[in-house]
Amino acid sequence: MNGIKSLLETLKGVLAEKRHDPTIREFLQAHVHEAFTVAADKLAQLGYLKTDERISLSSAVGDMLETFNKAAAEKCPVSQKQTLPLDVVQKLMER
């Protein structure tokens, strides 16, 4: 449940910073990033990843998300255009 709250807070930050509702792509990107971060942090806390390894993997996820953004624009243009009102984002995060 903490991960959901964290993602919702991240999305609220996107809304405040960009002053618009997130697009489908932004929502998915934030969700993937949050899921990775939670999993990598847990592995680091358990001693399976060192800090430098965690940082390297985070960089790889950043590269992957750039690739995702480009592919989403080409393969599903609506993901760049369709926005999600905050109440919809909150409903999605409750699941």
Protein backbone atom coordinates (compact mmCIF):
# COMPACT_ATOMS: atom_id res chain seq x y z
CA MET A 1 0.00 0.00 0.00
CA ASN A 2 2.94 2.35 0.66
CA GLY A 3 4.04 1.94 -2.96
CA ILE A 4 0.63 3.04 -4.17
CA LYS A 5 0.70 6.09 -1.93
CA SER A 6 4.23 6.87 -3.13
CA LEU A 7 3.20 6.63 -6.78
CA LEU A 8 0.14 8.76 -6.18
CA GLU A 9 2.35 11.40 -4.55
CA THR A 10 4.71 11.23 -7.55
CA LEU A 11 1.82 11.70 -9.93
CA LYS A 12 0.49 14.59 -7.86
CA GLY A 13 3.95 16.14 -8.21
CA VAL A 14 3.77 15.70 -11.98
CA LEU A 15 0.39 17.43 -11.96
CA ALA A 16 1.63 20.33 -9.87
CA GLU A 17 4.88 20.70 -11.80
CA LYS A 18 3.41 20.41 -15.27
CA ARG A 19 0.03 21.87 -14.32
CA HIS A 20 -1.87 19.33 -16.34
CA ASP A 21 -3.37 15.90 -15.91
CA PRO A 22 -0.91 13.10 -16.70
CA THR A 23 -1.11 11.36 -20.03
CA ILE A 24 -1.56 7.62 -20.24
CA ARG A 25 2.15 7.38 -21.09
CA GLU A 26 3.16 9.49 -18.09
CA PHE A 27 1.00 7.38 -15.79
CA LEU A 28 2.48 4.14 -17.11
CA GLN A 29 6.02 5.50 -16.99
CA ALA A 30 5.59 6.61 -13.37
CA HIS A 31 4.09 3.25 -12.44
CA VAL A 32 6.95 1.26 -14.03
CA HIS A 33 9.54 3.53 -12.41
CA GLU A 34 7.89 3.26 -9.00
CA ALA A 35 7.61 -0.54 -9.20
CA PHE A 36 11.29 -0.84 -10.12
CA THR A 37 12.36 1.54 -7.36
CA VAL A 38 10.42 -0.34 -4.69
CA ALA A 39 11.80 -3.70 -5.82
CA ALA A 40 15.40 -2.46 -6.12
CA ASP A 41 15.23 -0.75 -2.73
CA LYS A 42 14.01 -3.97 -1.14
CA LEU A 43 16.87 -5.91 -2.73
CA ALA A 44 19.35 -3.31 -1.50
CA GLN A 45 17.87 -3.39 2.01
CA LEU A 46 18.26 -7.16 2.06
CA GLY A 47 21.89 -6.83 0.98
CA TYR A 48 21.52 -8.26 -2.52
CA LEU A 49 22.50 -5.00 -4.23
CA LYS A 50 25.22 -2.53 -3.35
CA THR A 51 24.54 1.18 -3.75
CA ASP A 52 26.58 1.46 -6.96
CA GLU A 53 24.79 -1.57 -8.43
CA ARG A 54 21.42 -0.07 -7.51
CA ILE A 55 22.40 3.20 -9.21
CA SER A 56 23.56 1.34 -12.34
CA LEU A 57 20.27 -0.51 -12.56
CA SER A 58 18.36 2.75 -12.08
CA SER A 59 20.27 4.20 -15.02
CA ALA A 60 19.32 1.18 -17.12
CA VAL A 61 15.66 1.65 -16.21
CA GLY A 62 15.94 5.30 -17.21
CA ASP A 63 17.26 4.20 -20.61
CA MET A 64 14.45 1.66 -20.90
CA LEU A 65 11.84 4.31 -20.13
CA GLU A 66 13.25 6.56 -22.85
CA THR A 67 12.87 3.66 -25.29
CA PHE A 68 9.34 3.06 -24.00
CA ASN A 69 8.42 6.72 -24.54
CA LYS A 70 9.62 6.66 -28.15
CA ALA A 71 7.87 3.36 -28.89
CA ALA A 72 4.65 4.52 -27.21
CA ALA A 73 4.61 7.63 -29.37
CA GLU A 74 5.01 5.55 -32.54
CA LYS A 75 2.86 2.53 -31.70
CA CYS A 76 0.14 4.13 -29.60
CA PRO A 77 -0.09 7.88 -30.24
CA VAL A 78 -3.17 8.19 -28.02
CA SER A 79 -0.93 7.40 -25.03
CA GLN A 80 0.76 10.76 -25.60
CA LYS A 81 -2.51 12.66 -26.00
CA GLN A 82 -5.12 11.11 -23.72
CA THR A 83 -4.94 12.55 -20.23
CA LEU A 84 -6.16 11.08 -16.98
CA PRO A 85 -7.97 13.36 -14.54
CA LEU A 86 -6.70 13.13 -10.97
CA ASP A 87 -9.86 11.36 -9.77
CA VAL A 88 -9.25 8.62 -12.38
CA VAL A 89 -5.61 8.34 -11.32
CA GLN A 90 -6.72 7.96 -7.71
CA LYS A 91 -9.20 5.21 -8.67
CA LEU A 92 -6.50 3.38 -10.64
CA MET A 93 -4.14 3.57 -7.68
CA GLU A 94 -6.71 2.09 -5.30
CA ARG A 95 -6.68 -1.22 -7.13
